[in-house]
Amino acid sequence: MRLIIQLVLWLVIGFLAYMTFNSIYEPIQFNKIKKERYAPVIERLKDIRDAEMAYKQVTGKFTGDFNRLIEFIDTAKYTIVQRRDSTVLNVERTKAFGVDMYSEITLIDTLGFVPVRDSLFGNSERYKNLMFVPGTNKSEKFSLEAGNVMKNESPIPVFEAKVAKAVLLKDQPKDLVHMENQMVSVDAINGEYIRVGSMEEVNTNGNWPTYYGNIKNE
């Protein structure tokens, strides 16, 4: 009987040791996995942001359509211009004052055109996969919206691209995913989504911490 009791105690101790180890090891592995999966998603969001900024520079607005954005990258060109100051004779003021009067003007010369694709992506064709969430074998897509917000009684173009963390972590323990979605920290991606831009304010930043790399407002 004593031997049986000792055996049971050792089994209990072993089980408790395993549970203690797992309670420490599991969150460590979870944090490692999430960072590995978040990193390529953030790089893709940076590409989306760059494409949207180019789209706005050429068209004056953002787009919520990935197909239109990709077509734009394939076909659009930046206009390369040169601004130079000059002076011209102001006929009206010359007549009024009886002496030659000049006015300053700015001349804009078109020097040429550069394809948006070459400027943003060089020889890479990764822009063709902008809509797909990395690591999901093209089974998941980013949500993309565009519109306007009012600022000083004027409509200002905005956009937002995002994906839920749960999409990237669907094979991970649900309790850890839930904790991740509730995260509030300056060193973490807060909230349920990884996002760039905003549909509520004029903001083209991403919501990730600096160790993933920054993109700045323009």
C-alpha atoms as a PDB file:
ATOM      1  CA  MET A   1       0.000   0.000   0.000  1.00  0.00           C
ATOM      2  CA  ARG A   2       2.858   2.365   0.855  1.00  0.00           C
ATOM      3  CA  LEU A   3       4.431   1.675  -2.536  1.00  0.00           C
ATOM      4  CA  ILE A   4       1.182   2.465  -4.318  1.00  0.00           C
ATOM      5  CA  ILE A   5       0.790   5.723  -2.383  1.00  0.00           C
ATOM      6  CA  GLN A   6       4.357   6.742  -3.221  1.00  0.00           C
ATOM      7  CA  LEU A   7       3.777   5.956  -6.876  1.00  0.00           C
ATOM      8  CA  VAL A   8       0.606   8.036  -6.916  1.00  0.00           C
ATOM      9  CA  LEU A   9       2.404  10.906  -5.215  1.00  0.00           C
ATOM     10  CA  TRP A  10       5.215  10.788  -7.777  1.00  0.00           C
ATOM     11  CA  LEU A  11       2.647  10.832 -10.574  1.00  0.00           C
ATOM     12  CA  VAL A  12       0.926  13.841  -9.016  1.00  0.00           C
ATOM     13  CA  ILE A  13       4.266  15.616  -8.559  1.00  0.00           C
ATOM     14  CA  GLY A  14       5.200  14.849 -12.168  1.00  0.00           C
ATOM     15  CA  PHE A  15       1.860  16.139 -13.419  1.00  0.00           C
ATOM     16  CA  LEU A  16       2.127  19.329 -11.384  1.00  0.00           C
ATOM     17  CA  ALA A  17       5.690  19.859 -12.602  1.00  0.00           C
ATOM     18  CA  TYR A  18       4.540  19.421 -16.192  1.00  0.00           C
ATOM     19  CA  MET A  19       1.662  21.865 -15.704  1.00  0.00           C
ATOM     20  CA  THR A  20       3.992  24.413 -14.093  1.00  0.00           C
ATOM     21  CA  PHE A  21       6.521  24.063 -16.911  1.00  0.00           C
ATOM     22  CA  ASN A  22       3.808  24.277 -19.557  1.00  0.00           C
ATOM     23  CA  SER A  23       2.266  27.393 -17.971  1.00  0.00           C
ATOM     24  CA  ILE A  24       5.625  29.116 -18.436  1.00  0.00           C
ATOM     25  CA  TYR A  25       6.724  27.545 -21.720  1.00  0.00           C
ATOM     26  CA  GLU A  26       3.423  27.978 -23.594  1.00  0.00           C
ATOM     27  CA  PRO A  27       3.259  31.818 -23.326  1.00  0.00           C
ATOM     28  CA  ILE A  28       6.937  32.050 -24.319  1.00  0.00           C
ATOM     29  CA  GLN A  29       6.300  29.980 -27.437  1.00  0.00           C
ATOM     30  CA  PHE A  30       3.146  31.954 -28.158  1.00  0.00           C
ATOM     31  CA  ASN A  31       5.034  35.260 -28.054  1.00  0.00           C
ATOM     32  CA  LYS A  32       7.706  33.868 -30.351  1.00  0.00           C
ATOM     33  CA  ILE A  33       5.142  32.562 -32.849  1.00  0.00           C
ATOM     34  CA  LYS A  34       3.067  35.737 -32.896  1.00  0.00           C
ATOM     35  CA  LYS A  35       6.105  37.942 -33.586  1.00  0.00           C
ATOM     36  CA  GLU A  36       7.220  35.650 -36.399  1.00  0.00           C
ATOM     37  CA  ARG A  37       3.754  35.830 -37.971  1.00  0.00           C
ATOM     38  CA  TYR A  38       3.196  39.533 -37.359  1.00  0.00           C
ATOM     39  CA  ALA A  39       6.468  40.624 -39.013  1.00  0.00           C
ATOM     40  CA  PRO A  40       5.642  39.721 -42.672  1.00  0.00           C
ATOM     41  CA  VAL A  41       2.093  41.027 -42.210  1.00  0.00           C
ATOM     42  CA  ILE A  42       3.460  44.394 -41.111  1.00  0.00           C
ATOM     43  CA  GLU A  43       5.817  44.490 -44.095  1.00  0.00           C
ATOM     44  CA  ARG A  44       2.830  43.852 -46.378  1.00  0.00           C
ATOM     45  CA  LEU A  45       0.883  46.640 -44.669  1.00  0.00           C
ATOM     46  CA  LYS A  46       3.805  48.981 -45.294  1.00  0.00           C
ATOM     47  CA  ASP A  47       3.632  48.095 -49.005  1.00  0.00           C
ATOM     48  CA  ILE A  48      -0.118  48.778 -49.006  1.00  0.00           C
ATOM     49  CA  ARG A  49       0.486  52.116 -47.350  1.00  0.00           C
ATOM     50  CA  ASP A  50       3.171  53.087 -49.894  1.00  0.00           C
ATOM     51  CA  ALA A  51       0.882  52.102 -52.768  1.00  0.00           C
ATOM     52  CA  GLU A  52      -2.010  54.091 -51.300  1.00  0.00           C
ATOM     53  CA  MET A  53       0.159  57.171 -50.825  1.00  0.00           C
ATOM     54  CA  ALA A  54       1.289  56.943 -54.458  1.00  0.00           C
ATOM     55  CA  TYR A  55      -2.337  56.520 -55.556  1.00  0.00           C
ATOM     56  CA  LYS A  56      -3.322  59.641 -53.639  1.00  0.00           C
ATOM     57  CA  GLN A  57      -0.395  61.624 -55.034  1.00  0.00           C
ATOM     58  CA  VAL A  58      -1.547  60.909 -58.574  1.00  0.00           C
ATOM     59  CA  THR A  59      -5.347  60.845 -58.181  1.00  0.00           C
ATOM     60  CA  GLY A  60      -5.919  63.047 -55.122  1.00  0.00           C
ATOM     61  CA  LYS A  61      -7.662  60.307 -53.133  1.00  0.00           C
ATOM     62  CA  PHE A  62      -7.194  56.808 -51.679  1.00  0.00           C
ATOM     63  CA  THR A  63      -8.885  53.648 -52.902  1.00  0.00           C
ATOM     64  CA  GLY A  64     -10.621  50.812 -51.065  1.00  0.00           C
ATOM     65  CA  ASP A  65     -10.264  48.424 -54.029  1.00  0.00           C
ATOM     66  CA  PHE A  66      -7.168  46.204 -54.161  1.00  0.00           C
ATOM     67  CA  ASN A  67      -7.669  45.376 -57.832  1.00  0.00           C
ATOM     68  CA  ARG A  68      -7.743  49.061 -58.703  1.00  0.00           C
ATOM     69  CA  LEU A  69      -4.650  49.658 -56.567  1.00  0.00           C
ATOM     70  CA  ILE A  70      -2.703  46.865 -58.279  1.00  0.00           C
ATOM     71  CA  GLU A  71      -3.786  48.063 -61.728  1.00  0.00           C
ATOM     72  CA  PHE A  72      -2.648  51.551 -60.772  1.00  0.00           C
ATOM     73  CA  ILE A  73       0.811  50.273 -59.802  1.00  0.00           C
ATOM     74  CA  ASP A  74       1.043  48.417 -63.106  1.00  0.00           C
ATOM     75  CA  THR A  75       0.141  51.377 -65.294  1.00  0.00           C
ATOM     76  CA  ALA A  76       0.532  54.737 -63.521  1.00  0.00           C
ATOM     77  CA  LYS A  77       3.493  57.086 -63.761  1.00  0.00           C
ATOM     78  CA  TYR A  78       4.823  59.901 -61.632  1.00  0.00           C
ATOM     79  CA  THR A  79       5.326  63.205 -63.402  1.00  0.00           C
ATOM     80  CA  ILE A  80       8.814  64.573 -62.797  1.00  0.00           C
ATOM     81  CA  VAL A  81       8.706  68.365 -62.697  1.00  0.00           C
ATOM     82  CA  GLN A  82      11.112  71.194 -62.089  1.00  0.00           C
ATOM     83  CA  ARG A  83      10.026  74.409 -60.421  1.00  0.00           C
ATOM     84  CA  ARG A  84      11.925  77.609 -61.172  1.00  0.00           C
ATOM     85  CA  ASP A  85      11.353  81.220 -60.312  1.00  0.00           C
ATOM     86  CA  SER A  86      11.303  83.934 -62.962  1.00  0.00           C
ATOM     87  CA  THR A  87      10.173  87.531 -63.464  1.00  0.00           C
ATOM     88  CA  VAL A  88       7.924  89.029 -66.123  1.00  0.00           C
ATOM     89  CA  LEU A  89       6.973  92.567 -67.032  1.00  0.00           C
ATOM     90  CA  ASN A  90       3.791  93.639 -65.260  1.00  0.00           C
ATOM     91  CA  VAL A  91       2.053  95.612 -67.992  1.00  0.00           C
ATOM     92  CA  GLU A  92      -0.685  97.129 -65.818  1.00  0.00           C
ATOM     93  CA  ARG A  93       1.672  98.346 -63.081  1.00  0.00           C
ATOM     94  CA  THR A  94       4.121  99.628 -65.696  1.00  0.00           C
ATOM     95  CA  LYS A  95       1.359 101.759 -67.244  1.00  0.00           C
ATOM     96  CA  ALA A  96       0.250 102.957 -63.821  1.00  0.00           C
ATOM     97  CA  PHE A  97       3.695 104.035 -62.565  1.00  0.00           C
ATOM     98  CA  GLY A  98       5.358 104.951 -65.854  1.00  0.00           C
ATOM     99  CA  VAL A  99       8.388 102.754 -65.218  1.00  0.00           C
ATOM    100  CA  ASP A 100       9.041  99.103 -65.878  1.00  0.00           C
ATOM    101  CA  MET A 101       7.526  97.025 -63.062  1.00  0.00           C
ATOM    102  CA  TYR A 102       8.126  93.295 -62.764  1.00  0.00           C
ATOM    103  CA  SER A 103       6.311  90.454 -61.019  1.00  0.00           C
ATOM    104  CA  GLU A 104       7.763  87.191 -59.774  1.00  0.00           C
ATOM    105  CA  ILE A 105       6.256  83.970 -61.113  1.00  0.00           C
ATOM    106  CA  THR A 106       6.959  80.254 -60.674  1.00  0.00           C
ATOM    107  CA  LEU A 107       7.349  78.149 -63.787  1.00  0.00           C
ATOM    108  CA  ILE A 108       6.820  74.380 -63.676  1.00  0.00           C
ATOM    109  CA  ASP A 109       8.584  72.368 -66.365  1.00  0.00           C
ATOM    110  CA  THR A 110       7.742  68.709 -67.028  1.00  0.00           C
ATOM    111  CA  LEU A 111      10.993  66.769 -67.223  1.00  0.00           C
ATOM    112  CA  GLY A 112       9.607  63.290 -67.770  1.00  0.00           C
ATOM    113  CA  PHE A 113       7.680  60.390 -66.275  1.00  0.00           C
ATOM    114  CA  VAL A 114       8.655  57.524 -63.939  1.00  0.00           C
ATOM    115  CA  PRO A 115       6.536  54.356 -63.564  1.00  0.00           C
ATOM    116  CA  VAL A 116       5.052  54.033 -60.068  1.00  0.00           C
ATOM    117  CA  ARG A 117       5.915  50.330 -60.090  1.00  0.00           C
ATOM    118  CA  ASP A 118       9.625  50.978 -60.590  1.00  0.00           C
ATOM    119  CA  SER A 119       9.665  53.705 -57.980  1.00  0.00           C
ATOM    120  CA  LEU A 120       7.978  51.624 -55.268  1.00  0.00           C
ATOM    121  CA  PHE A 121       8.881  48.002 -55.994  1.00  0.00           C
ATOM    122  CA  GLY A 122      11.739  47.959 -58.491  1.00  0.00           C
ATOM    123  CA  ASN A 123      11.899  44.540 -60.146  1.00  0.00           C
ATOM    124  CA  SER A 124       9.767  42.851 -57.476  1.00  0.00           C
ATOM    125  CA  GLU A 125       6.239  41.666 -58.270  1.00  0.00           C
ATOM    126  CA  ARG A 126       5.187  41.350 -54.617  1.00  0.00           C
ATOM    127  CA  TYR A 127       2.644  44.151 -55.149  1.00  0.00           C
ATOM    128  CA  LYS A 128       0.451  41.648 -57.017  1.00  0.00           C
ATOM    129  CA  ASN A 129      -0.192  39.937 -53.673  1.00  0.00           C
ATOM    130  CA  LEU A 130      -1.020  43.101 -51.719  1.00  0.00           C
ATOM    131  CA  MET A 131      -4.503  41.862 -50.817  1.00  0.00           C
ATOM    132  CA  PHE A 132      -3.377  38.530 -49.351  1.00  0.00           C
ATOM    133  CA  VAL A 133      -2.365  38.072 -45.712  1.00  0.00           C
ATOM    134  CA  PRO A 134       1.136  36.490 -45.534  1.00  0.00           C
ATOM    135  CA  GLY A 135       1.269  33.025 -43.986  1.00  0.00           C
ATOM    136  CA  THR A 136      -2.298  32.080 -44.931  1.00  0.00           C
ATOM    137  CA  ASN A 137      -1.604  30.546 -48.356  1.00  0.00           C
ATOM    138  CA  LYS A 138      -3.774  33.268 -49.942  1.00  0.00           C
ATOM    139  CA  SER A 139      -6.837  32.036 -48.062  1.00  0.00           C
ATOM    140  CA  GLU A 140      -7.186  35.309 -46.108  1.00  0.00           C
ATOM    141  CA  LYS A 141      -7.311  38.887 -47.368  1.00  0.00           C
ATOM    142  CA  PHE A 142      -6.747  42.250 -45.737  1.00  0.00           C
ATOM    143  CA  SER A 143      -9.725  44.501 -45.190  1.00  0.00           C
ATOM    144  CA  LEU A 144      -9.260  47.751 -47.136  1.00  0.00           C
ATOM    145  CA  GLU A 145     -11.414  50.868 -46.872  1.00  0.00           C
ATOM    146  CA  ALA A 146     -11.100  54.421 -48.173  1.00  0.00           C
ATOM    147  CA  GLY A 147     -13.149  57.571 -47.805  1.00  0.00           C
ATOM    148  CA  ASN A 148     -13.036  61.019 -46.225  1.00  0.00           C
ATOM    149  CA  VAL A 149     -13.138  62.568 -42.782  1.00  0.00           C
ATOM    150  CA  MET A 150     -14.097  66.167 -42.142  1.00  0.00           C
ATOM    151  CA  LYS A 151     -11.387  68.459 -40.817  1.00  0.00           C
ATOM    152  CA  ASN A 152     -11.925  72.211 -40.546  1.00  0.00           C
ATOM    153  CA  GLU A 153     -15.123  71.692 -42.557  1.00  0.00           C
ATOM    154  CA  SER A 154     -13.158  70.152 -45.440  1.00  0.00           C
ATOM    155  CA  PRO A 155     -13.155  66.486 -46.556  1.00  0.00           C
ATOM    156  CA  ILE A 156      -9.740  64.889 -46.128  1.00  0.00           C
ATOM    157  CA  PRO A 157      -9.009  61.531 -47.842  1.00  0.00           C
ATOM    158  CA  VAL A 158      -8.267  58.609 -45.505  1.00  0.00           C
ATOM    159  CA  PHE A 159      -7.766  54.853 -45.818  1.00  0.00           C
ATOM    160  CA  GLU A 160      -7.377  51.858 -43.531  1.00  0.00           C
ATOM    161  CA  ALA A 161      -6.010  48.346 -44.139  1.00  0.00           C
ATOM    162  CA  LYS A 162      -6.175  45.735 -41.393  1.00  0.00           C
ATOM    163  CA  VAL A 163      -6.332  42.065 -40.436  1.00  0.00           C
ATOM    164  CA  ALA A 164      -7.528  40.471 -37.205  1.00  0.00           C
ATOM    165  CA  LYS A 165      -4.852  38.955 -34.988  1.00  0.00           C
ATOM    166  CA  ALA A 166      -7.109  35.925 -34.542  1.00  0.00           C
ATOM    167  CA  VAL A 167      -6.702  35.135 -38.258  1.00  0.00           C
ATOM    168  CA  LEU A 168      -2.944  34.819 -37.786  1.00  0.00           C
ATOM    169  CA  LEU A 169      -3.210  32.922 -34.496  1.00  0.00           C
ATOM    170  CA  LYS A 170      -6.159  30.613 -35.136  1.00  0.00           C
ATOM    171  CA  ASP A 171      -4.098  27.499 -34.303  1.00  0.00           C
ATOM    172  CA  GLN A 172      -2.914  28.939 -30.982  1.00  0.00           C
ATOM    173  CA  PRO A 173      -4.487  28.498 -27.506  1.00  0.00           C
ATOM    174  CA  LYS A 174      -7.698  30.485 -27.374  1.00  0.00           C
ATOM    175  CA  ASP A 175      -7.000  31.900 -23.909  1.00  0.00           C
ATOM    176  CA  LEU A 176      -3.666  33.346 -25.079  1.00  0.00           C
ATOM    177  CA  VAL A 177      -5.272  34.775 -28.225  1.00  0.00           C
ATOM    178  CA  HIS A 178      -7.950  36.395 -26.081  1.00  0.00           C
ATOM    179  CA  MET A 179      -5.272  37.948 -23.846  1.00  0.00           C
ATOM    180  CA  GLU A 180      -3.431  39.167 -26.929  1.00  0.00           C
ATOM    181  CA  ASN A 181      -6.584  40.894 -28.200  1.00  0.00           C
ATOM    182  CA  GLN A 182      -6.952  42.684 -24.861  1.00  0.00           C
ATOM    183  CA  MET A 183      -3.320  43.845 -24.864  1.00  0.00           C
ATOM    184  CA  VAL A 184      -2.663  47.475 -23.905  1.00  0.00           C
ATOM    185  CA  SER A 185       1.023  48.382 -23.902  1.00  0.00           C
ATOM    186  CA  VAL A 186       3.447  50.762 -25.602  1.00  0.00           C
ATOM    187  CA  ASP A 187       5.535  47.714 -26.582  1.00  0.00           C
ATOM    188  CA  ALA A 188       2.698  45.738 -28.160  1.00  0.00           C
ATOM    189  CA  ILE A 189       0.165  45.882 -30.970  1.00  0.00           C
ATOM    190  CA  ASN A 190      -2.902  46.964 -29.062  1.00  0.00           C
ATOM    191  CA  GLY A 191      -6.379  45.755 -29.898  1.00  0.00           C
ATOM    192  CA  GLU A 192      -7.767  42.968 -32.077  1.00  0.00           C
ATOM    193  CA  TYR A 193      -6.266  44.144 -35.383  1.00  0.00           C
ATOM    194  CA  ILE A 194      -2.943  44.887 -36.998  1.00  0.00           C
ATOM    195  CA  ARG A 195      -3.677  47.989 -39.030  1.00  0.00           C
ATOM    196  CA  VAL A 196      -2.300  50.884 -40.997  1.00  0.00           C
ATOM    197  CA  GLY A 197      -4.206  54.117 -41.551  1.00  0.00           C
ATOM    198  CA  SER A 198      -7.536  55.053 -40.011  1.00  0.00           C
ATOM    199  CA  MET A 199     -11.085  55.687 -41.146  1.00  0.00           C
ATOM    200  CA  GLU A 200     -11.740  57.908 -38.124  1.00  0.00           C
ATOM    201  CA  GLU A 201      -8.850  60.383 -38.276  1.00  0.00           C
ATOM    202  CA  VAL A 202      -6.194  61.688 -40.665  1.00  0.00           C
ATOM    203  CA  ASN A 203      -3.488  59.148 -39.875  1.00  0.00           C
ATOM    204  CA  THR A 204      -1.378  56.929 -42.133  1.00  0.00           C
ATOM    205  CA  ASN A 205       0.644  55.284 -39.346  1.00  0.00           C
ATOM    206  CA  GLY A 206       0.625  51.640 -38.378  1.00  0.00           C
ATOM    207  CA  ASN A 207      -0.355  50.518 -34.867  1.00  0.00           C
ATOM    208  CA  TRP A 208       2.737  48.375 -34.246  1.00  0.00           C
ATOM    209  CA  PRO A 209       5.636  49.212 -31.886  1.00  0.00           C
ATOM    210  CA  THR A 210       8.898  50.610 -33.179  1.00  0.00           C
ATOM    211  CA  TYR A 211      10.878  47.349 -33.153  1.00  0.00           C
ATOM    212  CA  TYR A 212       8.805  46.239 -36.165  1.00  0.00           C
ATOM    213  CA  GLY A 213       9.954  49.358 -38.035  1.00  0.00           C
ATOM    214  CA  ASN A 214       8.291  52.742 -38.433  1.00  0.00           C
ATOM    215  CA  ILE A 215       6.437  54.487 -41.214  1.00  0.00           C
ATOM    216  CA  LYS A 216       5.803  58.169 -40.774  1.00  0.00           C
ATOM    217  CA  ASN A 217       2.845  60.375 -41.421  1.00  0.00           C
ATOM    218  CA  GLU A 218       3.039  62.535 -44.537  1.00  0.00           C
END
